[in-house]
Each structure stands twice: as structure tokens, then as C-alpha cells.
Amino acid sequence: MKSSQILSAVLLLFTINTSMAQSNMLKDNPPLEDPIDSISYALGLSIAQNLQQLGVDSIDMVQLTQGIQDALTGSPDMDPQTANEIVGKYLQQKQMQQALVAQKNAHEYMSHHKYAEGVKVTKSGLHYQVIKQGEGAIPKDGDKVRTHYTGKLTNGTIFDSSVQRGTPAEFELDRVIPGWTEALKMMPVGSKWILTIPPDLAYGSRNMGNIPPYSVLIFEIELLDIVQP
């Protein structure tokens, strides 16, 4: 087995409680005296970080060490197909658990948010708050609009912002998430609203990089203009 394949197998096959592992290693770590020491430690950190990103949260350090050793010496107690099946089943279960938690959190957030000051709720479940009500035309199906916006997660993390880029965004109404389409078809040009969009009107179960599955999205959006063809 090539070194890259071994590393990939290790990354997939095992789980780690990083906080416990890091605290234990920091207590007893020998000094990094040569390049082999450094690369070995760096690989350990890389493995832990990758496993954490996979959402794994428990580990038997003895079995982890034994698995790495057996893979490197070519004498594993488990064939690759069985290992892949175990890993696949574990990751699928973790994803299901994470999805259930995310859906529950989104539901609870939206349930509480609807009572916030100034919040209006549409039949679809979209929440919006009017910061400024414009007096211009209201976009309709097929229109292209120009907007400024800032998008955040419920923890305040900004994941996208035309305001920060300094350049308004232009797009057709049918080429954005449903929550945006619905809101923009109610907004006169010149309006600035805050949209709180539930997952089913945003990206749902999709992982959009810095937007996790089943995320509630919060946008401050200003409708600048309807772009003439």
C-alpha cells in the first residue's frame, strides 16, 4: 500500500476525541529533535484535524495506534472492504445524527425568532423585518435585480457580503434561493429588509462549504434597482 493510501485509510478508519488526545500528548510529548520527529507529529495533527472535520468524536487510542502500525507493516487484522464498510456505516450514522440536531436547532430558532420585534412571517415560513420601505417598482417573475446584501449564520458568522466586496450583486429572481425570490417579489426598489430564512427556503440538506446543512440564513438585503433588459 502506498503512503498516500495509508494516510487516507487512517483518516477514514479512525475517530478521535481531539481535546483529550491533545491534552494527553502535550503533557508527555518528547521534544522534536529531528525531521522524522517533526513530520511524525505533524502527520498526527493533520490526522486529528481531518477526523474532527468528519465529525468523529470518540477513539480508542490503543486500537488507533495498532491500526496505524498494522497498516504500515502490511499486516492489518481487517481487509480494506470490511474497513470501508465500517467507516461508511459510522459516517452515515454521524451524518444522520448531525442532521437531526441541525434540523431541531433550526426549528427552535425559527420558533423563537417569530416573536422578535418587527418580525413578519409569510405562509411559507419566511421571516422578514422592514428596516426601510422603498417607493419604487416591485420585481416580478423574470426580472433581474441589483442588490447589496450581507449573509450571516445564526451564530453571527458572515459567509457572504456584496457590501464587503464593494460591488452590488445582479441576478434573476429565479436563480436564487426560494427565500430570496419570495422576499424580492414583495420589496419595492429602495427597500432594505432583514430576512431570516429557514432551511427549506434556503439550501436544505446541502453542504455549501461554509454554510452547513440545515442552516437558518440571515440576510440584510437592500434592493437597489430592477435591471432593464
C-alpha atoms as a PDB file:
ATOM      1  CA  MET A   1       0.000   0.000   0.000  1.00  0.00           C
ATOM      2  CA  LYS A   2       1.385   3.436  -0.932  1.00  0.00           C
ATOM      3  CA  SER A   3       1.985   6.047   1.758  1.00  0.00           C
ATOM      4  CA  SER A   4      -0.817   8.263   0.426  1.00  0.00           C
ATOM      5  CA  GLN A   5      -3.222   5.338   0.539  1.00  0.00           C
ATOM      6  CA  ILE A   6      -2.150   4.502   4.085  1.00  0.00           C
ATOM      7  CA  LEU A   7      -2.745   8.072   5.209  1.00  0.00           C
ATOM      8  CA  SER A   8      -6.151   8.138   3.508  1.00  0.00           C
ATOM      9  CA  ALA A   9      -7.083   4.873   5.177  1.00  0.00           C
ATOM     10  CA  VAL A  10      -6.043   6.195   8.575  1.00  0.00           C
ATOM     11  CA  LEU A  11      -8.013   9.390   8.052  1.00  0.00           C
ATOM     12  CA  LEU A  12     -11.132   7.414   7.250  1.00  0.00           C
ATOM     13  CA  LEU A  13     -10.825   4.443   9.555  1.00  0.00           C
ATOM     14  CA  PHE A  14     -10.476   6.053  12.960  1.00  0.00           C
ATOM     15  CA  THR A  15     -12.132   8.635  15.218  1.00  0.00           C
ATOM     16  CA  ILE A  16     -10.577  10.887  17.784  1.00  0.00           C
ATOM     17  CA  ASN A  17     -11.508  12.910  20.807  1.00  0.00           C
ATOM     18  CA  THR A  18      -9.158  15.764  19.944  1.00  0.00           C
ATOM     19  CA  SER A  19      -9.391  17.674  23.186  1.00  0.00           C
ATOM     20  CA  MET A  20      -8.461  14.633  25.274  1.00  0.00           C
ATOM     21  CA  ALA A  21      -5.803  13.482  22.855  1.00  0.00           C
ATOM     22  CA  GLN A  22      -4.191  16.899  22.619  1.00  0.00           C
ATOM     23  CA  SER A  23      -4.121  17.404  26.387  1.00  0.00           C
ATOM     24  CA  ASN A  24      -2.574  13.978  26.927  1.00  0.00           C
ATOM     25  CA  MET A  25       0.033  14.472  24.203  1.00  0.00           C
ATOM     26  CA  LEU A  26       1.025  17.899  25.419  1.00  0.00           C
ATOM     27  CA  LYS A  27       1.760  16.509  28.884  1.00  0.00           C
ATOM     28  CA  ASP A  28       4.209  13.812  27.775  1.00  0.00           C
ATOM     29  CA  ASN A  29       5.415  14.812  24.320  1.00  0.00           C
ATOM     30  CA  PRO A  30       9.122  14.263  23.739  1.00  0.00           C
ATOM     31  CA  PRO A  31      10.978  17.163  22.080  1.00  0.00           C
ATOM     32  CA  LEU A  32      11.012  17.357  18.282  1.00  0.00           C
ATOM     33  CA  GLU A  33      14.724  16.790  17.758  1.00  0.00           C
ATOM     34  CA  ASP A  34      14.964  15.830  14.065  1.00  0.00           C
ATOM     35  CA  PRO A  35      12.943  15.921  10.807  1.00  0.00           C
ATOM     36  CA  ILE A  36      11.368  12.498  11.442  1.00  0.00           C
ATOM     37  CA  ASP A  37      10.075  13.677  14.811  1.00  0.00           C
ATOM     38  CA  SER A  38       8.589  16.769  13.208  1.00  0.00           C
ATOM     39  CA  ILE A  39       6.891  15.030  10.277  1.00  0.00           C
ATOM     40  CA  SER A  40       5.522  12.339  12.583  1.00  0.00           C
ATOM     41  CA  TYR A  41       3.996  14.893  14.919  1.00  0.00           C
ATOM     42  CA  ALA A  42       2.717  16.991  12.005  1.00  0.00           C
ATOM     43  CA  LEU A  43       1.016  13.935  10.483  1.00  0.00           C
ATOM     44  CA  GLY A  44      -0.635  13.222  13.824  1.00  0.00           C
ATOM     45  CA  LEU A  45      -2.036  16.748  13.962  1.00  0.00           C
ATOM     46  CA  SER A  46      -3.211  16.530  10.364  1.00  0.00           C
ATOM     47  CA  ILE A  47      -4.994  13.229  11.016  1.00  0.00           C
ATOM     48  CA  ALA A  48      -6.714  14.648  14.098  1.00  0.00           C
ATOM     49  CA  GLN A  49      -7.849  17.767  12.251  1.00  0.00           C
ATOM     50  CA  ASN A  50      -9.242  15.761   9.346  1.00  0.00           C
ATOM     51  CA  LEU A  51     -11.086  13.400  11.654  1.00  0.00           C
ATOM     52  CA  GLN A  52     -12.548  16.322  13.546  1.00  0.00           C
ATOM     53  CA  GLN A  53     -13.818  17.767  10.269  1.00  0.00           C
ATOM     54  CA  LEU A  54     -15.521  14.433   9.576  1.00  0.00           C
ATOM     55  CA  GLY A  55     -17.464  14.909  12.807  1.00  0.00           C
ATOM     56  CA  VAL A  56     -15.957  11.981  14.695  1.00  0.00           C
ATOM     57  CA  ASP A  57     -15.788  12.325  18.455  1.00  0.00           C
ATOM     58  CA  SER A  58     -14.515   9.133  20.145  1.00  0.00           C
ATOM     59  CA  ILE A  59     -11.401   6.999  19.936  1.00  0.00           C
ATOM     60  CA  ASP A  60      -9.625   4.029  21.432  1.00  0.00           C
ATOM     61  CA  MET A  61      -6.036   5.257  21.312  1.00  0.00           C
ATOM     62  CA  VAL A  62      -4.628   1.746  21.659  1.00  0.00           C
ATOM     63  CA  GLN A  63      -6.575   0.466  18.654  1.00  0.00           C
ATOM     64  CA  LEU A  64      -5.787   3.620  16.688  1.00  0.00           C
ATOM     65  CA  THR A  65      -2.070   3.148  17.225  1.00  0.00           C
ATOM     66  CA  GLN A  66      -2.308  -0.559  16.452  1.00  0.00           C
ATOM     67  CA  GLY A  67      -4.228   0.114  13.250  1.00  0.00           C
ATOM     68  CA  ILE A  68      -1.625   2.585  12.030  1.00  0.00           C
ATOM     69  CA  GLN A  69       1.185   0.208  12.874  1.00  0.00           C
ATOM     70  CA  ASP A  70      -0.514  -2.754  11.171  1.00  0.00           C
ATOM     71  CA  ALA A  71      -1.260  -0.711   8.052  1.00  0.00           C
ATOM     72  CA  LEU A  72       2.344   0.478   7.794  1.00  0.00           C
ATOM     73  CA  THR A  73       3.755  -3.026   8.274  1.00  0.00           C
ATOM     74  CA  GLY A  74       1.289  -4.628   5.869  1.00  0.00           C
ATOM     75  CA  SER A  75      -0.333  -6.925   8.425  1.00  0.00           C
ATOM     76  CA  PRO A  76      -3.788  -5.497   9.230  1.00  0.00           C
ATOM     77  CA  ASP A  77      -6.386  -7.624  11.018  1.00  0.00           C
ATOM     78  CA  MET A  78      -9.132  -6.251   8.750  1.00  0.00           C
ATOM     79  CA  ASP A  79      -9.410  -6.328   4.972  1.00  0.00           C
ATOM     80  CA  PRO A  80      -9.945  -2.995   3.134  1.00  0.00           C
ATOM     81  CA  GLN A  81     -13.525  -3.812   2.098  1.00  0.00           C
ATOM     82  CA  THR A  82     -14.605  -4.526   5.669  1.00  0.00           C
ATOM     83  CA  ALA A  83     -12.814  -1.420   6.881  1.00  0.00           C
ATOM     84  CA  ASN A  84     -14.548   0.737   4.281  1.00  0.00           C
ATOM     85  CA  GLU A  85     -17.935  -0.728   5.206  1.00  0.00           C
ATOM     86  CA  ILE A  86     -17.379   0.019   8.911  1.00  0.00           C
ATOM     87  CA  VAL A  87     -16.221   3.548   8.173  1.00  0.00           C
ATOM     88  CA  GLY A  88     -19.073   4.185   5.736  1.00  0.00           C
ATOM     89  CA  LYS A  89     -21.684   2.981   8.210  1.00  0.00           C
ATOM     90  CA  TYR A  90     -20.190   5.059  11.003  1.00  0.00           C
ATOM     91  CA  LEU A  91     -20.019   8.247   8.933  1.00  0.00           C
ATOM     92  CA  GLN A  92     -23.567   7.724   7.675  1.00  0.00           C
ATOM     93  CA  GLN A  93     -24.818   7.402  11.242  1.00  0.00           C
ATOM     94  CA  LYS A  94     -22.909  10.529  12.267  1.00  0.00           C
ATOM     95  CA  GLN A  95     -24.359  12.489   9.360  1.00  0.00           C
ATOM     96  CA  MET A  96     -27.871  11.388  10.289  1.00  0.00           C
ATOM     97  CA  GLN A  97     -27.336  12.402  13.910  1.00  0.00           C
ATOM     98  CA  GLN A  98     -25.890  15.765  12.906  1.00  0.00           C
ATOM     99  CA  ALA A  99     -28.766  16.359  10.501  1.00  0.00           C
ATOM    100  CA  LEU A 100     -31.352  15.665  13.195  1.00  0.00           C
ATOM    101  CA  VAL A 101     -29.625  18.044  15.599  1.00  0.00           C
ATOM    102  CA  ALA A 102     -29.328  20.753  12.932  1.00  0.00           C
ATOM    103  CA  GLN A 103     -32.995  20.424  11.959  1.00  0.00           C
ATOM    104  CA  LYS A 104     -34.061  20.620  15.599  1.00  0.00           C
ATOM    105  CA  ASN A 105     -31.896  23.696  16.178  1.00  0.00           C
ATOM    106  CA  ALA A 106     -33.269  25.393  13.062  1.00  0.00           C
ATOM    107  CA  HIS A 107     -36.856  24.697  14.092  1.00  0.00           C
ATOM    108  CA  GLU A 108     -36.250  26.039  17.593  1.00  0.00           C
ATOM    109  CA  TYR A 109     -34.528  29.155  16.269  1.00  0.00           C
ATOM    110  CA  MET A 110     -37.353  29.978  13.869  1.00  0.00           C
ATOM    111  CA  SER A 111     -39.986  29.234  16.535  1.00  0.00           C
ATOM    112  CA  HIS A 112     -38.437  31.768  18.895  1.00  0.00           C
ATOM    113  CA  HIS A 113     -37.472  34.326  16.256  1.00  0.00           C
ATOM    114  CA  LYS A 114     -41.033  34.885  15.055  1.00  0.00           C
ATOM    115  CA  TYR A 115     -41.736  36.702  18.333  1.00  0.00           C
ATOM    116  CA  ALA A 116     -38.879  39.175  17.857  1.00  0.00           C
ATOM    117  CA  GLU A 117     -39.760  42.832  17.436  1.00  0.00           C
ATOM    118  CA  GLY A 118     -40.922  43.757  13.945  1.00  0.00           C
ATOM    119  CA  VAL A 119     -40.854  40.238  12.537  1.00  0.00           C
ATOM    120  CA  LYS A 120     -43.456  39.317   9.941  1.00  0.00           C
ATOM    121  CA  VAL A 121     -43.983  35.726   8.853  1.00  0.00           C
ATOM    122  CA  THR A 122     -45.228  34.616   5.435  1.00  0.00           C
ATOM    123  CA  LYS A 123     -47.247  31.471   4.724  1.00  0.00           C
ATOM    124  CA  SER A 124     -44.090  29.700   3.555  1.00  0.00           C
ATOM    125  CA  GLY A 125     -42.343  30.363   6.870  1.00  0.00           C
ATOM    126  CA  LEU A 126     -40.090  33.194   5.687  1.00  0.00           C
ATOM    127  CA  HIS A 127     -39.386  35.832   8.352  1.00  0.00           C
ATOM    128  CA  TYR A 128     -38.701  39.433   7.382  1.00  0.00           C
ATOM    129  CA  GLN A 129     -38.207  42.746   9.127  1.00  0.00           C
ATOM    130  CA  VAL A 130     -38.515  46.066   7.319  1.00  0.00           C
ATOM    131  CA  ILE A 131     -35.616  48.428   8.009  1.00  0.00           C
ATOM    132  CA  LYS A 132     -36.534  50.831   5.222  1.00  0.00           C
ATOM    133  CA  GLN A 133     -39.506  50.633   2.850  1.00  0.00           C
ATOM    134  CA  GLY A 134     -38.783  51.908  -0.632  1.00  0.00           C
ATOM    135  CA  GLU A 135     -41.204  53.545  -3.017  1.00  0.00           C
ATOM    136  CA  GLY A 136     -40.021  52.104  -6.319  1.00  0.00           C
ATOM    137  CA  ALA A 137     -41.311  49.289  -8.505  1.00  0.00           C
ATOM    138  CA  ILE A 138     -41.666  45.752  -7.167  1.00  0.00           C
ATOM    139  CA  PRO A 139     -39.826  42.990  -9.067  1.00  0.00           C
ATOM    140  CA  LYS A 140     -41.828  40.269 -10.778  1.00  0.00           C
ATOM    141  CA  ASP A 141     -41.062  36.846 -12.238  1.00  0.00           C
ATOM    142  CA  GLY A 142     -38.345  37.026 -14.864  1.00  0.00           C
ATOM    143  CA  ASP A 143     -36.884  40.315 -13.645  1.00  0.00           C
ATOM    144  CA  LYS A 144     -33.209  40.855 -12.970  1.00  0.00           C
ATOM    145  CA  VAL A 145     -32.365  42.882  -9.878  1.00  0.00           C
ATOM    146  CA  ARG A 146     -29.386  44.690  -8.383  1.00  0.00           C
ATOM    147  CA  THR A 147     -28.888  44.295  -4.638  1.00  0.00           C
ATOM    148  CA  HIS A 148     -26.491  44.841  -1.792  1.00  0.00           C
ATOM    149  CA  TYR A 149     -26.560  42.188   0.917  1.00  0.00           C
ATOM    150  CA  THR A 150     -24.779  40.581   3.837  1.00  0.00           C
ATOM    151  CA  GLY A 151     -25.447  36.947   4.723  1.00  0.00           C
ATOM    152  CA  LYS A 152     -24.876  35.503   8.191  1.00  0.00           C
ATOM    153  CA  LEU A 153     -25.393  32.274  10.083  1.00  0.00           C
ATOM    154  CA  THR A 154     -27.316  32.360  13.351  1.00  0.00           C
ATOM    155  CA  ASN A 155     -24.022  32.487  15.282  1.00  0.00           C
ATOM    156  CA  GLY A 156     -23.155  35.759  13.558  1.00  0.00           C
ATOM    157  CA  THR A 157     -20.607  34.338  11.108  1.00  0.00           C
ATOM    158  CA  ILE A 158     -20.676  36.252   7.813  1.00  0.00           C
ATOM    159  CA  PHE A 159     -20.491  33.826   4.892  1.00  0.00           C
ATOM    160  CA  ASP A 160     -21.024  36.275   2.023  1.00  0.00           C
ATOM    161  CA  SER A 161     -21.338  40.020   1.573  1.00  0.00           C
ATOM    162  CA  SER A 162     -21.561  42.214  -1.506  1.00  0.00           C
ATOM    163  CA  VAL A 163     -21.206  45.152   0.890  1.00  0.00           C
ATOM    164  CA  GLN A 164     -17.761  43.961   1.959  1.00  0.00           C
ATOM    165  CA  ARG A 165     -16.771  43.401  -1.670  1.00  0.00           C
ATOM    166  CA  GLY A 166     -17.986  46.872  -2.527  1.00  0.00           C
ATOM    167  CA  THR A 167     -19.850  45.655  -5.621  1.00  0.00           C
ATOM    168  CA  PRO A 168     -23.634  45.141  -5.858  1.00  0.00           C
ATOM    169  CA  ALA A 169     -24.859  41.731  -6.996  1.00  0.00           C
ATOM    170  CA  GLU A 170     -27.110  41.272 -10.024  1.00  0.00           C
ATOM    171  CA  PHE A 171     -29.217  38.169 -10.632  1.00  0.00           C
ATOM    172  CA  GLU A 172     -32.529  36.947 -11.979  1.00  0.00           C
ATOM    173  CA  LEU A 173     -35.258  36.179  -9.462  1.00  0.00           C
ATOM    174  CA  ASP A 174     -35.490  32.516 -10.445  1.00  0.00           C
ATOM    175  CA  ARG A 175     -31.762  31.920  -9.929  1.00  0.00           C
ATOM    176  CA  VAL A 176     -31.565  32.413  -6.169  1.00  0.00           C
ATOM    177  CA  ILE A 177     -32.806  30.505  -3.140  1.00  0.00           C
ATOM    178  CA  PRO A 178     -36.610  30.463  -2.656  1.00  0.00           C
ATOM    179  CA  GLY A 179     -36.450  32.729   0.394  1.00  0.00           C
ATOM    180  CA  TRP A 180     -34.799  35.463  -1.647  1.00  0.00           C
ATOM    181  CA  THR A 181     -37.196  35.074  -4.559  1.00  0.00           C
ATOM    182  CA  GLU A 182     -40.222  35.346  -2.294  1.00  0.00           C
ATOM    183  CA  ALA A 183     -38.908  38.379  -0.430  1.00  0.00           C
ATOM    184  CA  LEU A 184     -37.778  40.309  -3.501  1.00  0.00           C
ATOM    185  CA  LYS A 185     -41.213  39.920  -5.103  1.00  0.00           C
ATOM    186  CA  MET A 186     -42.611  41.848  -2.135  1.00  0.00           C
ATOM    187  CA  MET A 187     -39.912  44.558  -1.896  1.00  0.00           C
ATOM    188  CA  PRO A 188     -40.224  47.912  -3.654  1.00  0.00           C
ATOM    189  CA  VAL A 189     -36.960  49.263  -5.061  1.00  0.00           C
ATOM    190  CA  GLY A 190     -35.197  51.264  -2.368  1.00  0.00           C
ATOM    191  CA  SER A 191     -36.201  48.878   0.423  1.00  0.00           C
ATOM    192  CA  LYS A 192     -33.862  47.340   2.958  1.00  0.00           C
ATOM    193  CA  TRP A 193     -35.089  44.264   4.816  1.00  0.00           C
ATOM    194  CA  ILE A 194     -33.689  41.637   7.130  1.00  0.00           C
ATOM    195  CA  LEU A 195     -34.625  38.126   6.006  1.00  0.00           C
ATOM    196  CA  THR A 196     -34.460  35.119   8.311  1.00  0.00           C
ATOM    197  CA  ILE A 197     -34.747  32.114   6.039  1.00  0.00           C
ATOM    198  CA  PRO A 198     -35.476  28.553   7.261  1.00  0.00           C
ATOM    199  CA  PRO A 199     -33.506  25.686   5.692  1.00  0.00           C
ATOM    200  CA  ASP A 200     -36.333  24.569   3.388  1.00  0.00           C
ATOM    201  CA  LEU A 201     -36.314  28.026   1.760  1.00  0.00           C
ATOM    202  CA  ALA A 202     -32.500  28.109   1.628  1.00  0.00           C
ATOM    203  CA  TYR A 203     -30.117  25.216   0.931  1.00  0.00           C
ATOM    204  CA  GLY A 204     -31.851  22.482   2.913  1.00  0.00           C
ATOM    205  CA  SER A 205     -29.688  19.407   3.442  1.00  0.00           C
ATOM    206  CA  ARG A 206     -26.946  20.561   1.065  1.00  0.00           C
ATOM    207  CA  ASN A 207     -23.492  21.373   2.387  1.00  0.00           C
ATOM    208  CA  MET A 208     -22.491  24.667   0.789  1.00  0.00           C
ATOM    209  CA  GLY A 209     -18.945  24.898   2.109  1.00  0.00           C
ATOM    210  CA  ASN A 210     -19.111  27.494   4.854  1.00  0.00           C
ATOM    211  CA  ILE A 211     -22.890  27.019   5.112  1.00  0.00           C
ATOM    212  CA  PRO A 212     -23.606  23.722   6.945  1.00  0.00           C
ATOM    213  CA  PRO A 213     -26.634  21.564   6.073  1.00  0.00           C
ATOM    214  CA  TYR A 214     -29.987  22.669   7.516  1.00  0.00           C
ATOM    215  CA  SER A 215     -28.742  26.184   8.284  1.00  0.00           C
ATOM    216  CA  VAL A 216     -31.017  29.117   9.026  1.00  0.00           C
ATOM    217  CA  LEU A 217     -29.703  32.036   6.960  1.00  0.00           C
ATOM    218  CA  ILE A 218     -29.971  35.696   7.911  1.00  0.00           C
ATOM    219  CA  PHE A 219     -29.653  38.327   5.191  1.00  0.00           C
ATOM    220  CA  GLU A 220     -29.709  42.075   5.340  1.00  0.00           C
ATOM    221  CA  ILE A 221     -30.674  42.891   1.785  1.00  0.00           C
ATOM    222  CA  GLU A 222     -31.168  46.215   0.010  1.00  0.00           C
ATOM    223  CA  LEU A 223     -32.970  46.275  -3.324  1.00  0.00           C
ATOM    224  CA  LEU A 224     -31.147  48.889  -5.357  1.00  0.00           C
ATOM    225  CA  ASP A 225     -32.791  48.568  -8.750  1.00  0.00           C
ATOM    226  CA  ILE A 226     -34.545  46.421 -11.310  1.00  0.00           C
ATOM    227  CA  VAL A 227     -32.090  45.937 -14.161  1.00  0.00           C
ATOM    228  CA  GLN A 228     -33.616  46.783 -17.501  1.00  0.00           C
ATOM    229  CA  PRO A 229     -33.003  44.293 -20.326  1.00  0.00           C
END
